[in-house]
Amino acid sequence: MRNAERIVEAAVLQLRQRPDATMTSIARAAGVGRVTLYGHFASRRDLVDAAIVRELADAQHALDEMIGFDDAEWGQVPWCGVIPLLPGVGGGQAVR
């Protein structure tokens, strides 16, 4: 996995647990240094945007898989963690 992908994955996981996660904690979780992190993402905003785009793409994939499901099947689809990344929504808890 490339560094940028590892950083975004770590950002998604860190931001799910702590929406105020620092760039340092995200870099540490990704196994890269801060210089490498900032080489890929110039600001925390850029990294958070990339994490949201990643989660929205995962949500779109999950929704695509639901096409054609009947009502009984809705509860069987795993939801990604996009809700905790949206400000003021979900109370910081993953939606299942």
PDB file of N, CA and C in Angstrom:
ATOM      1  N   MET A   1       0.856  -1.182   0.000  1.00  0.00           N
ATOM      2  CA  MET A   1       0.000   0.000   0.000  1.00  0.00           C
ATOM      3  C   MET A   1       0.899   1.241   0.000  1.00  0.00           C
ATOM      4  N   ARG A   2       0.551   2.194  -0.829  1.00  0.00           N
ATOM      5  CA  ARG A   2       1.321   3.427  -0.909  1.00  0.00           C
ATOM      6  C   ARG A   2       1.125   4.272   0.355  1.00  0.00           C
ATOM      7  N   ASN A   3       2.093   5.163   0.608  1.00  0.00           N
ATOM      8  CA  ASN A   3       2.019   6.013   1.801  1.00  0.00           C
ATOM      9  C   ASN A   3       0.736   6.825   1.849  1.00  0.00           C
ATOM     10  N   ALA A   4       0.340   7.437   0.728  1.00  0.00           N
ATOM     11  CA  ALA A   4      -0.870   8.280   0.723  1.00  0.00           C
ATOM     12  C   ALA A   4      -2.093   7.448   1.109  1.00  0.00           C
ATOM     13  N   GLU A   5      -2.180   6.230   0.598  1.00  0.00           N
ATOM     14  CA  GLU A   5      -3.305   5.356   0.941  1.00  0.00           C
ATOM     15  C   GLU A   5      -3.273   4.976   2.418  1.00  0.00           C
ATOM     16  N   ARG A   6      -2.084   4.666   2.929  1.00  0.00           N
ATOM     17  CA  ARG A   6      -1.968   4.335   4.361  1.00  0.00           C
ATOM     18  C   ARG A   6      -2.353   5.524   5.222  1.00  0.00           C
ATOM     19  N   ILE A   7      -1.967   6.711   4.802  1.00  0.00           N
ATOM     20  CA  ILE A   7      -2.295   7.919   5.572  1.00  0.00           C
ATOM     21  C   ILE A   7      -3.806   8.140   5.596  1.00  0.00           C
ATOM     22  N   VAL A   8      -4.462   8.023   4.446  1.00  0.00           N
ATOM     23  CA  VAL A   8      -5.918   8.221   4.399  1.00  0.00           C
ATOM     24  C   VAL A   8      -6.617   7.159   5.230  1.00  0.00           C
ATOM     25  N   GLU A   9      -6.191   5.912   5.124  1.00  0.00           N
ATOM     26  CA  GLU A   9      -6.788   4.831   5.928  1.00  0.00           C
ATOM     27  C   GLU A   9      -6.623   5.124   7.421  1.00  0.00           C
ATOM     28  N   ALA A  10      -5.430   5.534   7.813  1.00  0.00           N
ATOM     29  CA  ALA A  10      -5.194   5.872   9.220  1.00  0.00           C
ATOM     30  C   ALA A  10      -6.045   7.068   9.636  1.00  0.00           C
ATOM     31  N   ALA A  11      -6.191   8.050   8.760  1.00  0.00           N
ATOM     32  CA  ALA A  11      -7.009   9.226   9.079  1.00  0.00           C
ATOM     33  C   ALA A  11      -8.451   8.819   9.300  1.00  0.00           C
ATOM     34  N   VAL A  12      -8.982   7.964   8.433  1.00  0.00           N
ATOM     35  CA  VAL A  12     -10.366   7.502   8.592  1.00  0.00           C
ATOM     36  C   VAL A  12     -10.535   6.843   9.955  1.00  0.00           C
ATOM     37  N   LEU A  13      -9.642   5.928  10.282  1.00  0.00           N
ATOM     38  CA  LEU A  13      -9.754   5.201  11.558  1.00  0.00           C
ATOM     39  C   LEU A  13      -9.578   6.131  12.758  1.00  0.00           C
ATOM     40  N   GLN A  14      -8.585   7.019  12.689  1.00  0.00           N
ATOM     41  CA  GLN A  14      -8.342   7.951  13.793  1.00  0.00           C
ATOM     42  C   GLN A  14      -9.504   8.921  13.971  1.00  0.00           C
ATOM     43  N   LEU A  15     -10.026   9.451  12.865  1.00  0.00           N
ATOM     44  CA  LEU A  15     -11.115  10.424  12.957  1.00  0.00           C
ATOM     45  C   LEU A  15     -12.415   9.784  13.427  1.00  0.00           C
ATOM     46  N   ARG A  16     -12.605   8.505  13.150  1.00  0.00           N
ATOM     47  CA  ARG A  16     -13.770   7.804  13.700  1.00  0.00           C
ATOM     48  C   ARG A  16     -13.690   7.746  15.219  1.00  0.00           C
ATOM     49  N   GLN A  17     -12.494   7.509  15.731  1.00  0.00           N
ATOM     50  CA  GLN A  17     -12.306   7.397  17.184  1.00  0.00           C
ATOM     51  C   GLN A  17     -12.237   8.762  17.849  1.00  0.00           C
ATOM     52  N   ARG A  18     -11.543   9.688  17.198  1.00  0.00           N
ATOM     53  CA  ARG A  18     -11.335  11.020  17.759  1.00  0.00           C
ATOM     54  C   ARG A  18     -11.422  12.049  16.644  1.00  0.00           C
ATOM     55  N   PRO A  19     -12.552  12.709  16.476  1.00  0.00           N
ATOM     56  CA  PRO A  19     -12.665  13.708  15.406  1.00  0.00           C
ATOM     57  C   PRO A  19     -11.623  14.821  15.486  1.00  0.00           C
ATOM     58  N   ASP A  20     -11.024  15.007  16.655  1.00  0.00           N
ATOM     59  CA  ASP A  20      -9.999  16.037  16.809  1.00  0.00           C
ATOM     60  C   ASP A  20      -8.584  15.465  16.691  1.00  0.00           C
ATOM     61  N   ALA A  21      -8.453  14.268  16.105  1.00  0.00           N
ATOM     62  CA  ALA A  21      -7.140  13.634  15.965  1.00  0.00           C
ATOM     63  C   ALA A  21      -6.161  14.590  15.285  1.00  0.00           C
ATOM     64  N   THR A  22      -4.947  14.583  15.773  1.00  0.00           N
ATOM     65  CA  THR A  22      -3.922  15.482  15.243  1.00  0.00           C
ATOM     66  C   THR A  22      -3.211  14.858  14.049  1.00  0.00           C
ATOM     67  N   MET A  23      -2.559  15.695  13.286  1.00  0.00           N
ATOM     68  CA  MET A  23      -1.758  15.202  12.166  1.00  0.00           C
ATOM     69  C   MET A  23      -0.657  14.276  12.685  1.00  0.00           C
ATOM     70  N   THR A  24      -0.091  14.592  13.831  1.00  0.00           N
ATOM     71  CA  THR A  24       0.952  13.754  14.417  1.00  0.00           C
ATOM     72  C   THR A  24       0.415  12.362  14.752  1.00  0.00           C
ATOM     73  N   SER A  25      -0.769  12.302  15.360  1.00  0.00           N
ATOM     74  CA  SER A  25      -1.331  10.995  15.724  1.00  0.00           C
ATOM     75  C   SER A  25      -1.711  10.194  14.481  1.00  0.00           C
ATOM     76  N   ILE A  26      -2.170  10.875  13.441  1.00  0.00           N
ATOM     77  CA  ILE A  26      -2.513  10.196  12.192  1.00  0.00           C
ATOM     78  C   ILE A  26      -1.244   9.676  11.517  1.00  0.00           C
ATOM     79  N   ALA A  27      -0.193  10.491  11.493  1.00  0.00           N
ATOM     80  CA  ALA A  27       1.078  10.050  10.914  1.00  0.00           C
ATOM     81  C   ALA A  27       1.600   8.827  11.652  1.00  0.00           C
ATOM     82  N   ARG A  28       1.546   8.864  12.969  1.00  0.00           N
ATOM     83  CA  ARG A  28       2.010   7.739  13.788  1.00  0.00           C
ATOM     84  C   ARG A  28       1.198   6.484  13.470  1.00  0.00           C
ATOM     85  N   ALA A  29      -0.123   6.622  13.373  1.00  0.00           N
ATOM     86  CA  ALA A  29      -0.985   5.476  13.082  1.00  0.00           C
ATOM     87  C   ALA A  29      -0.715   4.920  11.682  1.00  0.00           C
ATOM     88  N   ALA A  30      -0.311   5.780  10.760  1.00  0.00           N
ATOM     89  CA  ALA A  30      -0.024   5.349   9.386  1.00  0.00           C
ATOM     90  C   ALA A  30       1.382   4.773   9.247  1.00  0.00           C
ATOM     91  N   GLY A  31       2.193   4.963  10.281  1.00  0.00           N
ATOM     92  CA  GLY A  31       3.565   4.469  10.228  1.00  0.00           C
ATOM     93  C   GLY A  31       4.479   5.323   9.362  1.00  0.00           C
ATOM     94  N   VAL A  32       4.161   6.611   9.278  1.00  0.00           N
ATOM     95  CA  VAL A  32       4.989   7.545   8.510  1.00  0.00           C
ATOM     96  C   VAL A  32       5.337   8.736   9.401  1.00  0.00           C
ATOM     97  N   GLY A  33       6.312   9.502   8.966  1.00  0.00           N
ATOM     98  CA  GLY A  33       6.673  10.718   9.682  1.00  0.00           C
ATOM     99  C   GLY A  33       5.792  11.881   9.260  1.00  0.00           C
ATOM    100  N   ARG A  34       5.842  12.937  10.047  1.00  0.00           N
ATOM    101  CA  ARG A  34       5.035  14.118   9.721  1.00  0.00           C
ATOM    102  C   ARG A  34       5.452  14.738   8.391  1.00  0.00           C
ATOM    103  N   VAL A  35       6.747  14.677   8.076  1.00  0.00           N
ATOM    104  CA  VAL A  35       7.217  15.249   6.810  1.00  0.00           C
ATOM    105  C   VAL A  35       6.575  14.504   5.635  1.00  0.00           C
ATOM    106  N   THR A  36       6.506  13.179   5.746  1.00  0.00           N
ATOM    107  CA  THR A  36       5.861  12.384   4.691  1.00  0.00           C
ATOM    108  C   THR A  36       4.382  12.723   4.609  1.00  0.00           C
ATOM    109  N   LEU A  37       3.719  12.811   5.767  1.00  0.00           N
ATOM    110  CA  LEU A  37       2.295  13.143   5.777  1.00  0.00           C
ATOM    111  C   LEU A  37       2.055  14.493   5.100  1.00  0.00           C
ATOM    112  N   TYR A  38       2.826  15.509   5.507  1.00  0.00           N
ATOM    113  CA  TYR A  38       2.641  16.843   4.924  1.00  0.00           C
ATOM    114  C   TYR A  38       3.091  16.897   3.466  1.00  0.00           C
ATOM    115  N   GLY A  39       3.936  15.966   3.040  1.00  0.00           N
ATOM    116  CA  GLY A  39       4.306  15.876   1.632  1.00  0.00           C
ATOM    117  C   GLY A  39       3.128  15.462   0.759  1.00  0.00           C
ATOM    118  N   HIS A  40       2.201  14.711   1.352  1.00  0.00           N
ATOM    119  CA  HIS A  40       1.008  14.263   0.624  1.00  0.00           C
ATOM    120  C   HIS A  40      -0.205  15.164   0.869  1.00  0.00           C
ATOM    121  N   PHE A  41      -0.291  15.720   2.069  1.00  0.00           N
ATOM    122  CA  PHE A  41      -1.448  16.541   2.456  1.00  0.00           C
ATOM    123  C   PHE A  41      -0.922  17.803   3.132  1.00  0.00           C
ATOM    124  N   ALA A  42      -1.089  18.928   2.459  1.00  0.00           N
ATOM    125  CA  ALA A  42      -0.502  20.186   2.924  1.00  0.00           C
ATOM    126  C   ALA A  42      -1.121  20.702   4.218  1.00  0.00           C
ATOM    127  N   SER A  43      -2.368  20.270   4.493  1.00  0.00           N
ATOM    128  CA  SER A  43      -3.043  20.752   5.701  1.00  0.00           C
ATOM    129  C   SER A  43      -3.948  19.654   6.257  1.00  0.00           C
ATOM    130  N   ARG A  44      -4.362  19.844   7.493  1.00  0.00           N
ATOM    131  CA  ARG A  44      -5.295  18.902   8.110  1.00  0.00           C
ATOM    132  C   ARG A  44      -6.603  18.884   7.318  1.00  0.00           C
ATOM    133  N   ARG A  45      -7.007  20.035   6.850  1.00  0.00           N
ATOM    134  CA  ARG A  45      -8.236  20.140   6.050  1.00  0.00           C
ATOM    135  C   ARG A  45      -8.153  19.269   4.795  1.00  0.00           C
ATOM    136  N   ASP A  46      -7.002  19.298   4.128  1.00  0.00           N
ATOM    137  CA  ASP A  46      -6.812  18.469   2.934  1.00  0.00           C
ATOM    138  C   ASP A  46      -6.925  16.983   3.275  1.00  0.00           C
ATOM    139  N   LEU A  47      -6.361  16.592   4.399  1.00  0.00           N
ATOM    140  CA  LEU A  47      -6.407  15.193   4.812  1.00  0.00           C
ATOM    141  C   LEU A  47      -7.820  14.784   5.225  1.00  0.00           C
ATOM    142  N   VAL A  48      -8.499  15.630   5.974  1.00  0.00           N
ATOM    143  CA  VAL A  48      -9.884  15.335   6.369  1.00  0.00           C
ATOM    144  C   VAL A  48     -10.766  15.239   5.118  1.00  0.00           C
ATOM    145  N   ASP A  49     -10.557  16.133   4.160  1.00  0.00           N
ATOM    146  CA  ASP A  49     -11.318  16.061   2.906  1.00  0.00           C
ATOM    147  C   ASP A  49     -11.087  14.727   2.202  1.00  0.00           C
ATOM    148  N   ALA A  50      -9.834  14.270   2.152  1.00  0.00           N
ATOM    149  CA  ALA A  50      -9.515  12.994   1.508  1.00  0.00           C
ATOM    150  C   ALA A  50     -10.170  11.832   2.255  1.00  0.00           C
ATOM    151  N   ALA A  51     -10.201  11.906   3.582  1.00  0.00           N
ATOM    152  CA  ALA A  51     -10.841  10.862   4.383  1.00  0.00           C
ATOM    153  C   ALA A  51     -12.352  10.831   4.123  1.00  0.00           C
ATOM    154  N   ILE A  52     -12.963  11.996   4.018  1.00  0.00           N
ATOM    155  CA  ILE A  52     -14.402  12.065   3.743  1.00  0.00           C
ATOM    156  C   ILE A  52     -14.703  11.528   2.351  1.00  0.00           C
ATOM    157  N   VAL A  53     -13.894  11.904   1.366  1.00  0.00           N
ATOM    158  CA  VAL A  53     -14.083  11.393   0.002  1.00  0.00           C
ATOM    159  C   VAL A  53     -13.981   9.873  -0.001  1.00  0.00           C
ATOM    160  N   ARG A  54     -13.015   9.344   0.736  1.00  0.00           N
ATOM    161  CA  ARG A  54     -12.848   7.881   0.822  1.00  0.00           C
ATOM    162  C   ARG A  54     -14.086   7.232   1.433  1.00  0.00           C
ATOM    163  N   GLU A  55     -14.595   7.788   2.512  1.00  0.00           N
ATOM    164  CA  GLU A  55     -15.770   7.227   3.180  1.00  0.00           C
ATOM    165  C   GLU A  55     -17.012   7.354   2.305  1.00  0.00           C
ATOM    166  N   LEU A  56     -17.139   8.458   1.594  1.00  0.00           N
ATOM    167  CA  LEU A  56     -18.284   8.617   0.696  1.00  0.00           C
ATOM    168  C   LEU A  56     -18.215   7.612  -0.456  1.00  0.00           C
ATOM    169  N   ALA A  57     -17.017   7.347  -0.962  1.00  0.00           N
ATOM    170  CA  ALA A  57     -16.870   6.338  -2.014  1.00  0.00           C
ATOM    171  C   ALA A  57     -17.258   4.962  -1.482  1.00  0.00           C
ATOM    172  N   ASP A  58     -16.848   4.644  -0.251  1.00  0.00           N
ATOM    173  CA  ASP A  58     -17.232   3.370   0.370  1.00  0.00           C
ATOM    174  C   ASP A  58     -18.745   3.310   0.574  1.00  0.00           C
ATOM    175  N   ALA A  59     -19.348   4.439   0.961  1.00  0.00           N
ATOM    176  CA  ALA A  59     -20.804   4.481   1.147  1.00  0.00           C
ATOM    177  C   ALA A  59     -21.508   4.281  -0.186  1.00  0.00           C
ATOM    178  N   GLN A  60     -20.987   4.905  -1.240  1.00  0.00           N
ATOM    179  CA  GLN A  60     -21.582   4.732  -2.565  1.00  0.00           C
ATOM    180  C   GLN A  60     -21.512   3.265  -2.988  1.00  0.00           C
ATOM    181  N   HIS A  61     -20.400   2.632  -2.726  1.00  0.00           N
ATOM    182  CA  HIS A  61     -20.262   1.206  -3.053  1.00  0.00           C
ATOM    183  C   HIS A  61     -21.302   0.375  -2.293  1.00  0.00           C
ATOM    184  N   ALA A  62     -21.476   0.677  -1.003  1.00  0.00           N
ATOM    185  CA  ALA A  62     -22.471  -0.050  -0.204  1.00  0.00           C
ATOM    186  C   ALA A  62     -23.880   0.193  -0.747  1.00  0.00           C
ATOM    187  N   LEU A  63     -24.173   1.425  -1.127  1.00  0.00           N
ATOM    188  CA  LEU A  63     -25.492   1.729  -1.690  1.00  0.00           C
ATOM    189  C   LEU A  63     -25.702   1.021  -3.025  1.00  0.00           C
ATOM    190  N   ASP A  64     -24.673   0.973  -3.835  1.00  0.00           N
ATOM    191  CA  ASP A  64     -24.770   0.266  -5.110  1.00  0.00           C
ATOM    192  C   ASP A  64     -25.111  -1.207  -4.890  1.00  0.00           C
ATOM    193  N   GLU A  65     -24.541  -1.788  -3.844  1.00  0.00           N
ATOM    194  CA  GLU A  65     -24.819  -3.185  -3.529  1.00  0.00           C
ATOM    195  C   GLU A  65     -26.258  -3.390  -3.058  1.00  0.00           C
ATOM    196  N   MET A  66     -26.888  -2.322  -2.550  1.00  0.00           N
ATOM    197  CA  MET A  66     -28.255  -2.434  -2.045  1.00  0.00           C
ATOM    198  C   MET A  66     -29.317  -2.380  -3.137  1.00  0.00           C
ATOM    199  N   ILE A  67     -28.941  -1.929  -4.312  1.00  0.00           N
ATOM    200  CA  ILE A  67     -29.929  -1.808  -5.383  1.00  0.00           C
ATOM    201  C   ILE A  67     -30.598  -3.162  -5.593  1.00  0.00           C
ATOM    202  N   GLY A  68     -31.920  -3.131  -5.539  1.00  0.00           N
ATOM    203  CA  GLY A  68     -32.669  -4.365  -5.728  1.00  0.00           C
ATOM    204  C   GLY A  68     -32.965  -5.116  -4.447  1.00  0.00           C
ATOM    205  N   PHE A  69     -32.440  -4.657  -3.311  1.00  0.00           N
ATOM    206  CA  PHE A  69     -32.728  -5.330  -2.042  1.00  0.00           C
ATOM    207  C   PHE A  69     -34.175  -5.080  -1.658  1.00  0.00           C
ATOM    208  N   ASP A  70     -34.829  -6.072  -1.057  1.00  0.00           N
ATOM    209  CA  ASP A  70     -36.157  -5.833  -0.510  1.00  0.00           C
ATOM    210  C   ASP A  70     -36.007  -5.340   0.935  1.00  0.00           C
ATOM    211  N   ASP A  71     -37.107  -4.935   1.542  1.00  0.00           N
ATOM    212  CA  ASP A  71     -37.054  -4.337   2.879  1.00  0.00           C
ATOM    213  C   ASP A  71     -36.375  -5.233   3.900  1.00  0.00           C
ATOM    214  N   ALA A  72     -36.554  -6.540   3.815  1.00  0.00           N
ATOM    215  CA  ALA A  72     -35.961  -7.459   4.791  1.00  0.00           C
ATOM    216  C   ALA A  72     -34.441  -7.482   4.695  1.00  0.00           C
ATOM    217  N   GLU A  73     -33.888  -7.111   3.558  1.00  0.00           N
ATOM    218  CA  GLU A  73     -32.437  -7.175   3.377  1.00  0.00           C
ATOM    219  C   GLU A  73     -31.714  -5.898   3.795  1.00  0.00           C
ATOM    220  N   TRP A  74     -32.422  -4.797   3.991  1.00  0.00           N
ATOM    221  CA  TRP A  74     -31.779  -3.528   4.347  1.00  0.00           C
ATOM    222  C   TRP A  74     -30.901  -3.641   5.574  1.00  0.00           C
ATOM    223  N   GLY A  75     -31.357  -4.354   6.600  1.00  0.00           N
ATOM    224  CA  GLY A  75     -30.599  -4.453   7.851  1.00  0.00           C
ATOM    225  C   GLY A  75     -29.351  -5.292   7.746  1.00  0.00           C
ATOM    226  N   GLN A  76     -29.152  -5.976   6.652  1.00  0.00           N
ATOM    227  CA  GLN A  76     -27.992  -6.856   6.498  1.00  0.00           C
ATOM    228  C   GLN A  76     -26.805  -6.177   5.827  1.00  0.00           C
ATOM    229  N   VAL A  77     -26.963  -4.929   5.401  1.00  0.00           N
ATOM    230  CA  VAL A  77     -25.896  -4.234   4.693  1.00  0.00           C
ATOM    231  C   VAL A  77     -25.032  -3.482   5.700  1.00  0.00           C
ATOM    232  N   PRO A  78     -23.724  -3.773   5.712  1.00  0.00           N
ATOM    233  CA  PRO A  78     -22.848  -3.043   6.647  1.00  0.00           C
ATOM    234  C   PRO A  78     -22.655  -1.605   6.183  1.00  0.00           C
ATOM    235  N   TRP A  79     -22.827  -0.690   7.107  1.00  0.00           N
ATOM    236  CA  TRP A  79     -22.623   0.725   6.785  1.00  0.00           C
ATOM    237  C   TRP A  79     -21.198   1.106   7.101  1.00  0.00           C
ATOM    238  N   CYS A  80     -20.614   1.955   6.276  1.00  0.00           N
ATOM    239  CA  CYS A  80     -19.268   2.448   6.557  1.00  0.00           C
ATOM    240  C   CYS A  80     -19.355   3.533   7.627  1.00  0.00           C
ATOM    241  N   GLY A  81     -18.251   4.048   8.039  1.00  0.00           N
ATOM    242  CA  GLY A  81     -18.225   5.023   9.127  1.00  0.00           C
ATOM    243  C   GLY A  81     -18.314   6.459   8.691  1.00  0.00           C
ATOM    244  N   VAL A  82     -19.054   6.771   7.646  1.00  0.00           N
ATOM    245  CA  VAL A  82     -19.101   8.147   7.151  1.00  0.00           C
ATOM    246  C   VAL A  82     -19.832   9.080   8.107  1.00  0.00           C
ATOM    247  N   ILE A  83     -20.845   8.606   8.803  1.00  0.00           N
ATOM    248  CA  ILE A  83     -21.639   9.485   9.670  1.00  0.00           C
ATOM    249  C   ILE A  83     -20.797  10.167  10.743  1.00  0.00           C
ATOM    250  N   PRO A  84     -19.879   9.453  11.437  1.00  0.00           N
ATOM    251  CA  PRO A  84     -19.097  10.152  12.458  1.00  0.00           C
ATOM    252  C   PRO A  84     -18.186  11.238  11.901  1.00  0.00           C
ATOM    253  N   LEU A  85     -17.870  11.201  10.613  1.00  0.00           N
ATOM    254  CA  LEU A  85     -17.007  12.220  10.042  1.00  0.00           C
ATOM    255  C   LEU A  85     -17.748  13.502   9.695  1.00  0.00           C
ATOM    256  N   LEU A  86     -19.081  13.445   9.671  1.00  0.00           N
ATOM    257  CA  LEU A  86     -19.859  14.635   9.333  1.00  0.00           C
ATOM    258  C   LEU A  86     -20.118  15.445  10.601  1.00  0.00           C
ATOM    259  N   PRO A  87     -19.748  16.718  10.609  1.00  0.00           N
ATOM    260  CA  PRO A  87     -19.907  17.543  11.807  1.00  0.00           C
ATOM    261  C   PRO A  87     -21.353  17.599  12.290  1.00  0.00           C
ATOM    262  N   GLY A  88     -21.546  17.376  13.589  1.00  0.00           N
ATOM    263  CA  GLY A  88     -22.863  17.509  14.191  1.00  0.00           C
ATOM    264  C   GLY A  88     -23.807  16.382  13.902  1.00  0.00           C
ATOM    265  N   VAL A  89     -23.336  15.288  13.305  1.00  0.00           N
ATOM    266  CA  VAL A  89     -24.204  14.171  12.954  1.00  0.00           C
ATOM    267  C   VAL A  89     -23.682  12.896  13.592  1.00  0.00           C
ATOM    268  N   GLY A  90     -24.559  12.098  14.132  1.00  0.00           N
ATOM    269  CA  GLY A  90     -24.185  10.772  14.618  1.00  0.00           C
ATOM    270  C   GLY A  90     -23.571  10.740  15.995  1.00  0.00           C
ATOM    271  N   GLY A  91     -23.351  11.874  16.594  1.00  0.00           N
ATOM    272  CA  GLY A  91     -22.802  11.892  17.953  1.00  0.00           C
ATOM    273  C   GLY A  91     -21.464  11.186  18.086  1.00  0.00           C
ATOM    274  N   GLY A  92     -20.713  11.086  16.979  1.00  0.00           N
ATOM    275  CA  GLY A  92     -19.423  10.444  17.041  1.00  0.00           C
ATOM    276  C   GLY A  92     -19.482   8.931  17.063  1.00  0.00           C
ATOM    277  N   GLN A  93     -20.654   8.361  16.896  1.00  0.00           N
ATOM    278  CA  GLN A  93     -20.802   6.907  16.925  1.00  0.00           C
ATOM    279  C   GLN A  93     -20.980   6.363  15.523  1.00  0.00           C
ATOM    280  N   ALA A  94     -20.369   5.231  15.256  1.00  0.00           N
ATOM    281  CA  ALA A  94     -20.552   4.591  13.955  1.00  0.00           C
ATOM    282  C   ALA A  94     -21.998   4.121  13.844  1.00  0.00           C
ATOM    283  N   VAL A  95     -22.542   4.231  12.664  1.00  0.00           N
ATOM    284  CA  VAL A  95     -23.917   3.820  12.410  1.00  0.00           C
ATOM    285  C   VAL A  95     -23.908   2.407  11.851  1.00  0.00           C
ATOM    286  N   ARG A  96     -24.736   1.547  12.367  1.00  0.00           N
ATOM    287  CA  ARG A  96     -24.831   0.157  11.897  1.00  0.00           C
ATOM    288  C   ARG A  96     -26.279  -0.142  11.628  1.00  0.00           C
TER     289      ARG A  96
END
